[in-house]
Amino acid sequence: VERIGRGYVVPLLADRDLSARGVEV
C-alpha cells in the first residue's frame, strides 16, 4: 500500500492461492 502511494508497479501472481484462505471463484 505504501509503495503504491509512491507510484510503484506491483505485479502479483494471482492464479493460485497459497494460503487456503483465498477467494472462491
mmCIF file of all heavy atoms, coordinates in Angstrom:
data_MODEL
# 
_entry.id   MODEL 
# 
loop_
_atom_site.group_PDB 
_atom_site.id 
_atom_site.type_symbol 
_atom_site.label_atom_id 
_atom_site.label_alt_id 
_atom_site.label_comp_id 
_atom_site.label_asym_id 
_atom_site.label_entity_id 
_atom_site.label_seq_id 
_atom_site.pdbx_PDB_ins_code 
_atom_site.Cartn_x 
_atom_site.Cartn_y 
_atom_site.Cartn_z 
_atom_site.occupancy 
_atom_site.B_iso_or_equiv 
_atom_site.pdbx_formal_charge 
_atom_site.auth_seq_id 
_atom_site.auth_comp_id 
_atom_site.auth_asym_id 
_atom_site.auth_atom_id 
_atom_site.pdbx_PDB_model_num 
ATOM 1   N N   . VAL A 1 1  ? 0.844   -1.201  0.000   1.00 0.00 ? 1  VAL A N   1 
ATOM 2   C CA  . VAL A 1 1  ? 0.000   0.000   0.000   1.00 0.00 ? 1  VAL A CA  1 
ATOM 3   C C   . VAL A 1 1  ? 0.877   1.248   0.000   1.00 0.00 ? 1  VAL A C   1 
ATOM 4   O O   . VAL A 1 1  ? 0.625   2.213   -0.745  1.00 0.00 ? 1  VAL A O   1 
ATOM 5   C CB  . VAL A 1 1  ? -0.944  -0.005  1.220   1.00 0.00 ? 1  VAL A CB  1 
ATOM 6   C CG1 . VAL A 1 1  ? -1.637  1.347   1.382   1.00 0.00 ? 1  VAL A CG1 1 
ATOM 7   C CG2 . VAL A 1 1  ? -1.990  -1.107  1.086   1.00 0.00 ? 1  VAL A CG2 1 
ATOM 8   N N   . GLU A 1 2  ? 1.900   1.232   0.809   1.00 0.00 ? 2  GLU A N   1 
ATOM 9   C CA  . GLU A 1 2  ? 2.812   2.377   0.876   1.00 0.00 ? 2  GLU A CA  1 
ATOM 10  C C   . GLU A 1 2  ? 3.510   2.603   -0.458  1.00 0.00 ? 2  GLU A C   1 
ATOM 11  O O   . GLU A 1 2  ? 3.629   3.743   -0.930  1.00 0.00 ? 2  GLU A O   1 
ATOM 12  C CB  . GLU A 1 2  ? 3.841   2.123   1.974   1.00 0.00 ? 2  GLU A CB  1 
ATOM 13  C CG  . GLU A 1 2  ? 4.864   3.222   2.169   1.00 0.00 ? 2  GLU A CG  1 
ATOM 14  C CD  . GLU A 1 2  ? 5.868   2.850   3.233   1.00 0.00 ? 2  GLU A CD  1 
ATOM 15  O OE1 . GLU A 1 2  ? 5.540   3.009   4.424   1.00 0.00 ? 2  GLU A OE1 1 
ATOM 16  O OE2 . GLU A 1 2  ? 6.965   2.373   2.867   1.00 0.00 ? 2  GLU A OE2 1 
ATOM 17  N N   . ARG A 1 3  ? 3.967   1.530   -1.074  1.00 0.00 ? 3  ARG A N   1 
ATOM 18  C CA  . ARG A 1 3  ? 4.690   1.661   -2.349  1.00 0.00 ? 3  ARG A CA  1 
ATOM 19  C C   . ARG A 1 3  ? 3.753   2.136   -3.469  1.00 0.00 ? 3  ARG A C   1 
ATOM 20  O O   . ARG A 1 3  ? 4.160   2.921   -4.331  1.00 0.00 ? 3  ARG A O   1 
ATOM 21  C CB  . ARG A 1 3  ? 5.333   0.331   -2.737  1.00 0.00 ? 3  ARG A CB  1 
ATOM 22  C CG  . ARG A 1 3  ? 6.384   -0.169  -1.762  1.00 0.00 ? 3  ARG A CG  1 
ATOM 23  C CD  . ARG A 1 3  ? 7.608   0.722   -1.739  1.00 0.00 ? 3  ARG A CD  1 
ATOM 24  N NE  . ARG A 1 3  ? 8.670   0.096   -0.969  1.00 0.00 ? 3  ARG A NE  1 
ATOM 25  C CZ  . ARG A 1 3  ? 8.885   0.281   0.332   1.00 0.00 ? 3  ARG A CZ  1 
ATOM 26  N NH1 . ARG A 1 3  ? 8.092   1.112   1.011   1.00 0.00 ? 3  ARG A NH1 1 
ATOM 27  N NH2 . ARG A 1 3  ? 9.859   -0.337  0.957   1.00 0.00 ? 3  ARG A NH2 1 
ATOM 28  N N   . ILE A 1 4  ? 2.518   1.660   -3.470  1.00 0.00 ? 4  ILE A N   1 
ATOM 29  C CA  . ILE A 1 4  ? 1.551   2.143   -4.451  1.00 0.00 ? 4  ILE A CA  1 
ATOM 30  C C   . ILE A 1 4  ? 1.423   3.657   -4.347  1.00 0.00 ? 4  ILE A C   1 
ATOM 31  O O   . ILE A 1 4  ? 1.356   4.383   -5.349  1.00 0.00 ? 4  ILE A O   1 
ATOM 32  C CB  . ILE A 1 4  ? 0.176   1.467   -4.244  1.00 0.00 ? 4  ILE A CB  1 
ATOM 33  C CG1 . ILE A 1 4  ? 0.190   0.050   -4.824  1.00 0.00 ? 4  ILE A CG1 1 
ATOM 34  C CG2 . ILE A 1 4  ? -0.942  2.275   -4.888  1.00 0.00 ? 4  ILE A CG2 1 
ATOM 35  C CD1 . ILE A 1 4  ? 0.056   -0.028  -6.320  1.00 0.00 ? 4  ILE A CD1 1 
ATOM 36  N N   . GLY A 1 5  ? 1.394   4.164   -3.127  1.00 0.00 ? 5  GLY A N   1 
ATOM 37  C CA  . GLY A 1 5  ? 1.290   5.602   -2.925  1.00 0.00 ? 5  GLY A CA  1 
ATOM 38  C C   . GLY A 1 5  ? 2.478   6.368   -3.463  1.00 0.00 ? 5  GLY A C   1 
ATOM 39  O O   . GLY A 1 5  ? 2.388   7.581   -3.690  1.00 0.00 ? 5  GLY A O   1 
ATOM 40  N N   . ARG A 1 6  ? 3.575   5.655   -3.698  1.00 0.00 ? 6  ARG A N   1 
ATOM 41  C CA  . ARG A 1 6  ? 4.778   6.290   -4.255  1.00 0.00 ? 6  ARG A CA  1 
ATOM 42  C C   . ARG A 1 6  ? 4.944   5.988   -5.746  1.00 0.00 ? 6  ARG A C   1 
ATOM 43  O O   . ARG A 1 6  ? 5.997   6.258   -6.322  1.00 0.00 ? 6  ARG A O   1 
ATOM 44  C CB  . ARG A 1 6  ? 6.008   5.816   -3.473  1.00 0.00 ? 6  ARG A CB  1 
ATOM 45  C CG  . ARG A 1 6  ? 6.042   6.360   -2.039  1.00 0.00 ? 6  ARG A CG  1 
ATOM 46  C CD  . ARG A 1 6  ? 6.997   5.603   -1.145  1.00 0.00 ? 6  ARG A CD  1 
ATOM 47  N NE  . ARG A 1 6  ? 8.331   5.478   -1.710  1.00 0.00 ? 6  ARG A NE  1 
ATOM 48  C CZ  . ARG A 1 6  ? 9.310   4.750   -1.143  1.00 0.00 ? 6  ARG A CZ  1 
ATOM 49  N NH1 . ARG A 1 6  ? 9.071   4.087   -0.018  1.00 0.00 ? 6  ARG A NH1 1 
ATOM 50  N NH2 . ARG A 1 6  ? 10.490  4.680   -1.713  1.00 0.00 ? 6  ARG A NH2 1 
ATOM 51  N N   . GLY A 1 7  ? 3.894   5.398   -6.358  1.00 0.00 ? 7  GLY A N   1 
ATOM 52  C CA  . GLY A 1 7  ? 3.909   5.212   -7.799  1.00 0.00 ? 7  GLY A CA  1 
ATOM 53  C C   . GLY A 1 7  ? 4.545   3.942   -8.301  1.00 0.00 ? 7  GLY A C   1 
ATOM 54  O O   . GLY A 1 7  ? 4.918   3.850   -9.473  1.00 0.00 ? 7  GLY A O   1 
ATOM 55  N N   . TYR A 1 8  ? 4.632   2.923   -7.448  1.00 0.00 ? 8  TYR A N   1 
ATOM 56  C CA  . TYR A 1 8  ? 5.274   1.674   -7.848  1.00 0.00 ? 8  TYR A CA  1 
ATOM 57  C C   . TYR A 1 8  ? 4.338   0.815   -8.718  1.00 0.00 ? 8  TYR A C   1 
ATOM 58  O O   . TYR A 1 8  ? 3.113   0.866   -8.568  1.00 0.00 ? 8  TYR A O   1 
ATOM 59  C CB  . TYR A 1 8  ? 5.650   0.844   -6.624  1.00 0.00 ? 8  TYR A CB  1 
ATOM 60  C CG  . TYR A 1 8  ? 6.977   1.196   -5.993  1.00 0.00 ? 8  TYR A CG  1 
ATOM 61  C CD1 . TYR A 1 8  ? 7.260   2.494   -5.576  1.00 0.00 ? 8  TYR A CD1 1 
ATOM 62  C CD2 . TYR A 1 8  ? 7.957   0.229   -5.793  1.00 0.00 ? 8  TYR A CD2 1 
ATOM 63  C CE1 . TYR A 1 8  ? 8.467   2.821   -4.979  1.00 0.00 ? 8  TYR A CE1 1 
ATOM 64  C CE2 . TYR A 1 8  ? 9.171   0.535   -5.201  1.00 0.00 ? 8  TYR A CE2 1 
ATOM 65  C CZ  . TYR A 1 8  ? 9.413   1.831   -4.789  1.00 0.00 ? 8  TYR A CZ  1 
ATOM 66  O OH  . TYR A 1 8  ? 10.624  2.152   -4.202  1.00 0.00 ? 8  TYR A OH  1 
ATOM 67  N N   . VAL A 1 9  ? 4.938   0.006   -9.584  1.00 0.00 ? 9  VAL A N   1 
ATOM 68  C CA  . VAL A 1 9  ? 4.237   -1.089  -10.248 1.00 0.00 ? 9  VAL A CA  1 
ATOM 69  C C   . VAL A 1 9  ? 4.281   -2.299  -9.314  1.00 0.00 ? 9  VAL A C   1 
ATOM 70  O O   . VAL A 1 9  ? 5.347   -2.648  -8.790  1.00 0.00 ? 9  VAL A O   1 
ATOM 71  C CB  . VAL A 1 9  ? 4.900   -1.441  -11.598 1.00 0.00 ? 9  VAL A CB  1 
ATOM 72  C CG1 . VAL A 1 9  ? 4.205   -2.644  -12.244 1.00 0.00 ? 9  VAL A CG1 1 
ATOM 73  C CG2 . VAL A 1 9  ? 4.886   -0.248  -12.532 1.00 0.00 ? 9  VAL A CG2 1 
ATOM 74  N N   . VAL A 1 10 ? 3.123   -2.937  -9.110  1.00 0.00 ? 10 VAL A N   1 
ATOM 75  C CA  . VAL A 1 10 ? 3.038   -4.081  -8.190  1.00 0.00 ? 10 VAL A CA  1 
ATOM 76  C C   . VAL A 1 10 ? 2.478   -5.280  -8.944  1.00 0.00 ? 10 VAL A C   1 
ATOM 77  O O   . VAL A 1 10 ? 1.258   -5.450  -9.060  1.00 0.00 ? 10 VAL A O   1 
ATOM 78  C CB  . VAL A 1 10 ? 2.150   -3.758  -6.972  1.00 0.00 ? 10 VAL A CB  1 
ATOM 79  C CG1 . VAL A 1 10 ? 2.118   -4.957  -6.021  1.00 0.00 ? 10 VAL A CG1 1 
ATOM 80  C CG2 . VAL A 1 10 ? 2.651   -2.518  -6.248  1.00 0.00 ? 10 VAL A CG2 1 
ATOM 81  N N   . PRO A 1 11 ? 3.345   -6.136  -9.508  1.00 0.00 ? 11 PRO A N   1 
ATOM 82  C CA  . PRO A 1 11 ? 2.858   -7.364  -10.144 1.00 0.00 ? 11 PRO A CA  1 
ATOM 83  C C   . PRO A 1 11 ? 2.696   -8.458  -9.097  1.00 0.00 ? 11 PRO A C   1 
ATOM 84  O O   . PRO A 1 11 ? 3.568   -8.659  -8.243  1.00 0.00 ? 11 PRO A O   1 
ATOM 85  C CB  . PRO A 1 11 ? 3.984   -7.703  -11.131 1.00 0.00 ? 11 PRO A CB  1 
ATOM 86  C CG  . PRO A 1 11 ? 5.209   -7.113  -10.515 1.00 0.00 ? 11 PRO A CG  1 
ATOM 87  C CD  . PRO A 1 11 ? 4.789   -5.954  -9.665  1.00 0.00 ? 11 PRO A CD  1 
ATOM 88  N N   . LEU A 1 12 ? 1.588   -9.165  -9.150  1.00 0.00 ? 12 LEU A N   1 
ATOM 89  C CA  . LEU A 1 12 ? 1.299   -10.218 -8.177  1.00 0.00 ? 12 LEU A CA  1 
ATOM 90  C C   . LEU A 1 12 ? 0.774   -11.453 -8.896  1.00 0.00 ? 12 LEU A C   1 
ATOM 91  O O   . LEU A 1 12 ? -0.186  -11.370 -9.670  1.00 0.00 ? 12 LEU A O   1 
ATOM 92  C CB  . LEU A 1 12 ? 0.248   -9.740  -7.171  1.00 0.00 ? 12 LEU A CB  1 
ATOM 93  C CG  . LEU A 1 12 ? 0.636   -8.546  -6.288  1.00 0.00 ? 12 LEU A CG  1 
ATOM 94  C CD1 . LEU A 1 12 ? -0.578  -8.044  -5.516  1.00 0.00 ? 12 LEU A CD1 1 
ATOM 95  C CD2 . LEU A 1 12 ? 1.772   -8.899  -5.342  1.00 0.00 ? 12 LEU A CD2 1 
ATOM 96  N N   . LEU A 1 13 ? 1.414   -12.596 -8.658  1.00 0.00 ? 13 LEU A N   1 
ATOM 97  C CA  . LEU A 1 13 ? 0.905   -13.846 -9.208  1.00 0.00 ? 13 LEU A CA  1 
ATOM 98  C C   . LEU A 1 13 ? -0.449  -14.127 -8.578  1.00 0.00 ? 13 LEU A C   1 
ATOM 99  O O   . LEU A 1 13 ? -0.605  -14.093 -7.356  1.00 0.00 ? 13 LEU A O   1 
ATOM 100 C CB  . LEU A 1 13 ? 1.885   -14.978 -8.934  1.00 0.00 ? 13 LEU A CB  1 
ATOM 101 C CG  . LEU A 1 13 ? 3.172   -14.922 -9.775  1.00 0.00 ? 13 LEU A CG  1 
ATOM 102 C CD1 . LEU A 1 13 ? 4.249   -15.823 -9.183  1.00 0.00 ? 13 LEU A CD1 1 
ATOM 103 C CD2 . LEU A 1 13 ? 2.897   -15.293 -11.221 1.00 0.00 ? 13 LEU A CD2 1 
ATOM 104 N N   . ALA A 1 14 ? -1.440  -14.399 -9.431  1.00 0.00 ? 14 ALA A N   1 
ATOM 105 C CA  . ALA A 1 14 ? -2.823  -14.361 -8.957  1.00 0.00 ? 14 ALA A CA  1 
ATOM 106 C C   . ALA A 1 14 ? -3.655  -15.584 -9.310  1.00 0.00 ? 14 ALA A C   1 
ATOM 107 O O   . ALA A 1 14 ? -4.852  -15.610 -9.006  1.00 0.00 ? 14 ALA A O   1 
ATOM 108 C CB  . ALA A 1 14 ? -3.516  -13.111 -9.524  1.00 0.00 ? 14 ALA A CB  1 
ATOM 109 N N   . ASP A 1 15 ? -3.080  -16.603 -9.934  1.00 0.00 ? 15 ASP A N   1 
ATOM 110 C CA  . ASP A 1 15 ? -3.899  -17.727 -10.384 1.00 0.00 ? 15 ASP A CA  1 
ATOM 111 C C   . ASP A 1 15 ? -3.912  -18.903 -9.424  1.00 0.00 ? 15 ASP A C   1 
ATOM 112 O O   . ASP A 1 15 ? -4.564  -19.912 -9.692  1.00 0.00 ? 15 ASP A O   1 
ATOM 113 C CB  . ASP A 1 15 ? -3.459  -18.199 -11.776 1.00 0.00 ? 15 ASP A CB  1 
ATOM 114 C CG  . ASP A 1 15 ? -1.977  -18.562 -11.839 1.00 0.00 ? 15 ASP A CG  1 
ATOM 115 O OD1 . ASP A 1 15 ? -1.234  -18.243 -10.888 1.00 0.00 ? 15 ASP A OD1 1 
ATOM 116 O OD2 . ASP A 1 15 ? -1.560  -19.146 -12.861 1.00 0.00 ? 15 ASP A OD2 1 
ATOM 117 N N   . ARG A 1 16 ? -3.206  -18.801 -8.303  1.00 0.00 ? 16 ARG A N   1 
ATOM 118 C CA  . ARG A 1 16 ? -3.201  -19.921 -7.354  1.00 0.00 ? 16 ARG A CA  1 
ATOM 119 C C   . ARG A 1 16 ? -3.032  -19.373 -5.944  1.00 0.00 ? 16 ARG A C   1 
ATOM 120 O O   . ARG A 1 16 ? -2.110  -18.613 -5.679  1.00 0.00 ? 16 ARG A O   1 
ATOM 121 C CB  . ARG A 1 16 ? -2.071  -20.904 -7.677  1.00 0.00 ? 16 ARG A CB  1 
ATOM 122 C CG  . ARG A 1 16 ? -1.988  -22.079 -6.712  1.00 0.00 ? 16 ARG A CG  1 
ATOM 123 C CD  . ARG A 1 16 ? -1.016  -23.124 -7.213  1.00 0.00 ? 16 ARG A CD  1 
ATOM 124 N NE  . ARG A 1 16 ? -0.822  -24.179 -6.231  1.00 0.00 ? 16 ARG A NE  1 
ATOM 125 C CZ  . ARG A 1 16 ? 0.227   -24.260 -5.409  1.00 0.00 ? 16 ARG A CZ  1 
ATOM 126 N NH1 . ARG A 1 16 ? 1.187   -23.353 -5.480  1.00 0.00 ? 16 ARG A NH1 1 
ATOM 127 N NH2 . ARG A 1 16 ? 0.332   -25.240 -4.539  1.00 0.00 ? 16 ARG A NH2 1 
ATOM 128 N N   . ASP A 1 17 ? -3.936  -19.780 -5.067  1.00 0.00 ? 17 ASP A N   1 
ATOM 129 C CA  . ASP A 1 17 ? -3.891  -19.332 -3.682  1.00 0.00 ? 17 ASP A CA  1 
ATOM 130 C C   . ASP A 1 17 ? -2.959  -20.230 -2.877  1.00 0.00 ? 17 ASP A C   1 
ATOM 131 O O   . ASP A 1 17 ? -3.037  -21.449 -2.956  1.00 0.00 ? 17 ASP A O   1 
ATOM 132 C CB  . ASP A 1 17 ? -5.298  -19.363 -3.070  1.00 0.00 ? 17 ASP A CB  1 
ATOM 133 C CG  . ASP A 1 17 ? -5.291  -18.957 -1.620  1.00 0.00 ? 17 ASP A CG  1 
ATOM 134 O OD1 . ASP A 1 17 ? -4.788  -17.854 -1.327  1.00 0.00 ? 17 ASP A OD1 1 
ATOM 135 O OD2 . ASP A 1 17 ? -5.774  -19.736 -0.781  1.00 0.00 ? 17 ASP A OD2 1 
ATOM 136 N N   . LEU A 1 18 ? -2.069  -19.617 -2.120  1.00 0.00 ? 18 LEU A N   1 
ATOM 137 C CA  . LEU A 1 18 ? -1.114  -20.366 -1.309  1.00 0.00 ? 18 LEU A CA  1 
ATOM 138 C C   . LEU A 1 18 ? -1.534  -20.468 0.154   1.00 0.00 ? 18 LEU A C   1 
ATOM 139 O O   . LEU A 1 18 ? -0.894  -21.167 0.929   1.00 0.00 ? 18 LEU A O   1 
ATOM 140 C CB  . LEU A 1 18 ? 0.267   -19.706 -1.381  1.00 0.00 ? 18 LEU A CB  1 
ATOM 141 C CG  . LEU A 1 18 ? 0.918   -19.662 -2.764  1.00 0.00 ? 18 LEU A CG  1 
ATOM 142 C CD1 . LEU A 1 18 ? 2.218   -18.861 -2.711  1.00 0.00 ? 18 LEU A CD1 1 
ATOM 143 C CD2 . LEU A 1 18 ? 1.186   -21.068 -3.281  1.00 0.00 ? 18 LEU A CD2 1 
ATOM 144 N N   . SER A 1 19 ? -2.593  -19.778 0.528   1.00 0.00 ? 19 SER A N   1 
ATOM 145 C CA  . SER A 1 19 ? -2.931  -19.678 1.943   1.00 0.00 ? 19 SER A CA  1 
ATOM 146 C C   . SER A 1 19 ? -4.086  -20.577 2.363   1.00 0.00 ? 19 SER A C   1 
ATOM 147 O O   . SER A 1 19 ? -4.321  -20.751 3.562   1.00 0.00 ? 19 SER A O   1 
ATOM 148 C CB  . SER A 1 19 ? -3.312  -18.230 2.271   1.00 0.00 ? 19 SER A CB  1 
ATOM 149 O OG  . SER A 1 19 ? -4.533  -17.880 1.646   1.00 0.00 ? 19 SER A OG  1 
ATOM 150 N N   . ALA A 1 20 ? -4.827  -21.130 1.410   1.00 0.00 ? 20 ALA A N   1 
ATOM 151 C CA  . ALA A 1 20 ? -6.067  -21.871 1.682   1.00 0.00 ? 20 ALA A CA  1 
ATOM 152 C C   . ALA A 1 20 ? -7.139  -20.971 2.274   1.00 0.00 ? 20 ALA A C   1 
ATOM 153 O O   . ALA A 1 20 ? -8.143  -21.450 2.796   1.00 0.00 ? 20 ALA A O   1 
ATOM 154 C CB  . ALA A 1 20 ? -5.810  -23.074 2.593   1.00 0.00 ? 20 ALA A CB  1 
ATOM 155 N N   . ARG A 1 21 ? -6.918  -19.656 2.214   1.00 0.00 ? 21 ARG A N   1 
ATOM 156 C CA  . ARG A 1 21 ? -7.928  -18.707 2.681   1.00 0.00 ? 21 ARG A CA  1 
ATOM 157 C C   . ARG A 1 21 ? -8.316  -17.761 1.545   1.00 0.00 ? 21 ARG A C   1 
ATOM 158 O O   . ARG A 1 21 ? -8.796  -16.650 1.794   1.00 0.00 ? 21 ARG A O   1 
ATOM 159 C CB  . ARG A 1 21 ? -7.396  -17.890 3.867   1.00 0.00 ? 21 ARG A CB  1 
ATOM 160 C CG  . ARG A 1 21 ? -7.037  -18.727 5.091   1.00 0.00 ? 21 ARG A CG  1 
ATOM 161 C CD  . ARG A 1 21 ? -6.669  -17.856 6.270   1.00 0.00 ? 21 ARG A CD  1 
ATOM 162 N NE  . ARG A 1 21 ? -5.554  -16.974 5.966   1.00 0.00 ? 21 ARG A NE  1 
ATOM 163 C CZ  . ARG A 1 21 ? -4.270  -17.305 6.095   1.00 0.00 ? 21 ARG A CZ  1 
ATOM 164 N NH1 . ARG A 1 21 ? -3.948  -18.519 6.514   1.00 0.00 ? 21 ARG A NH1 1 
ATOM 165 N NH2 . ARG A 1 21 ? -3.320  -16.453 5.814   1.00 0.00 ? 21 ARG A NH2 1 
ATOM 166 N N   . GLY A 1 22 ? -8.135  -18.203 0.320   1.00 0.00 ? 22 GLY A N   1 
ATOM 167 C CA  . GLY A 1 22 ? -8.391  -17.344 -0.816  1.00 0.00 ? 22 GLY A CA  1 
ATOM 168 C C   . GLY A 1 22 ? -9.863  -17.195 -1.124  1.00 0.00 ? 22 GLY A C   1 
ATOM 169 O O   . GLY A 1 22 ? -10.735 -17.740 -0.444  1.00 0.00 ? 22 GLY A O   1 
ATOM 170 N N   . VAL A 1 23 ? -10.115 -16.459 -2.191  1.00 0.00 ? 23 VAL A N   1 
ATOM 171 C CA  . VAL A 1 23 ? -11.475 -16.171 -2.634  1.00 0.00 ? 23 VAL A CA  1 
ATOM 172 C C   . VAL A 1 23 ? -11.912 -17.258 -3.611  1.00 0.00 ? 23 VAL A C   1 
ATOM 173 O O   . VAL A 1 23 ? -11.209 -17.544 -4.585  1.00 0.00 ? 23 VAL A O   1 
ATOM 174 C CB  . VAL A 1 23 ? -11.541 -14.793 -3.309  1.00 0.00 ? 23 VAL A CB  1 
ATOM 175 C CG1 . VAL A 1 23 ? -12.955 -14.510 -3.815  1.00 0.00 ? 23 VAL A CG1 1 
ATOM 176 C CG2 . VAL A 1 23 ? -11.086 -13.703 -2.342  1.00 0.00 ? 23 VAL A CG2 1 
ATOM 177 N N   . GLU A 1 24 ? -13.061 -17.870 -3.367  1.00 0.00 ? 24 GLU A N   1 
ATOM 178 C CA  . GLU A 1 24 ? -13.537 -18.902 -4.283  1.00 0.00 ? 24 GLU A CA  1 
ATOM 179 C C   . GLU A 1 24 ? -14.075 -18.252 -5.551  1.00 0.00 ? 24 GLU A C   1 
ATOM 180 O O   . GLU A 1 24 ? -14.857 -17.301 -5.500  1.00 0.00 ? 24 GLU A O   1 
ATOM 181 C CB  . GLU A 1 24 ? -14.624 -19.737 -3.623  1.00 0.00 ? 24 GLU A CB  1 
ATOM 182 C CG  . GLU A 1 24 ? -15.035 -20.937 -4.461  1.00 0.00 ? 24 GLU A CG  1 
ATOM 183 C CD  . GLU A 1 24 ? -15.941 -21.888 -3.714  1.00 0.00 ? 24 GLU A CD  1 
ATOM 184 O OE1 . GLU A 1 24 ? -15.626 -22.245 -2.559  1.00 0.00 ? 24 GLU A OE1 1 
ATOM 185 O OE2 . GLU A 1 24 ? -16.984 -22.267 -4.302  1.00 0.00 ? 24 GLU A OE2 1 
ATOM 186 N N   . VAL A 1 25 ? -13.629 -18.767 -6.700  1.00 0.00 ? 25 VAL A N   1 
ATOM 187 C CA  . VAL A 1 25 ? -14.044 -18.238 -7.992  1.00 0.00 ? 25 VAL A CA  1 
ATOM 188 C C   . VAL A 1 25 ? -14.369 -19.391 -8.922  1.00 0.00 ? 25 VAL A C   1 
ATOM 189 O O   . VAL A 1 25 ? -13.995 -20.543 -8.685  1.00 0.00 ? 25 VAL A O   1 
ATOM 190 C CB  . VAL A 1 25 ? -12.927 -17.368 -8.633  1.00 0.00 ? 25 VAL A CB  1 
ATOM 191 C CG1 . VAL A 1 25 ? -12.654 -16.123 -7.804  1.00 0.00 ? 25 VAL A CG1 1 
ATOM 192 C CG2 . VAL A 1 25 ? -11.650 -18.182 -8.847  1.00 0.00 ? 25 VAL A CG2 1 
# 
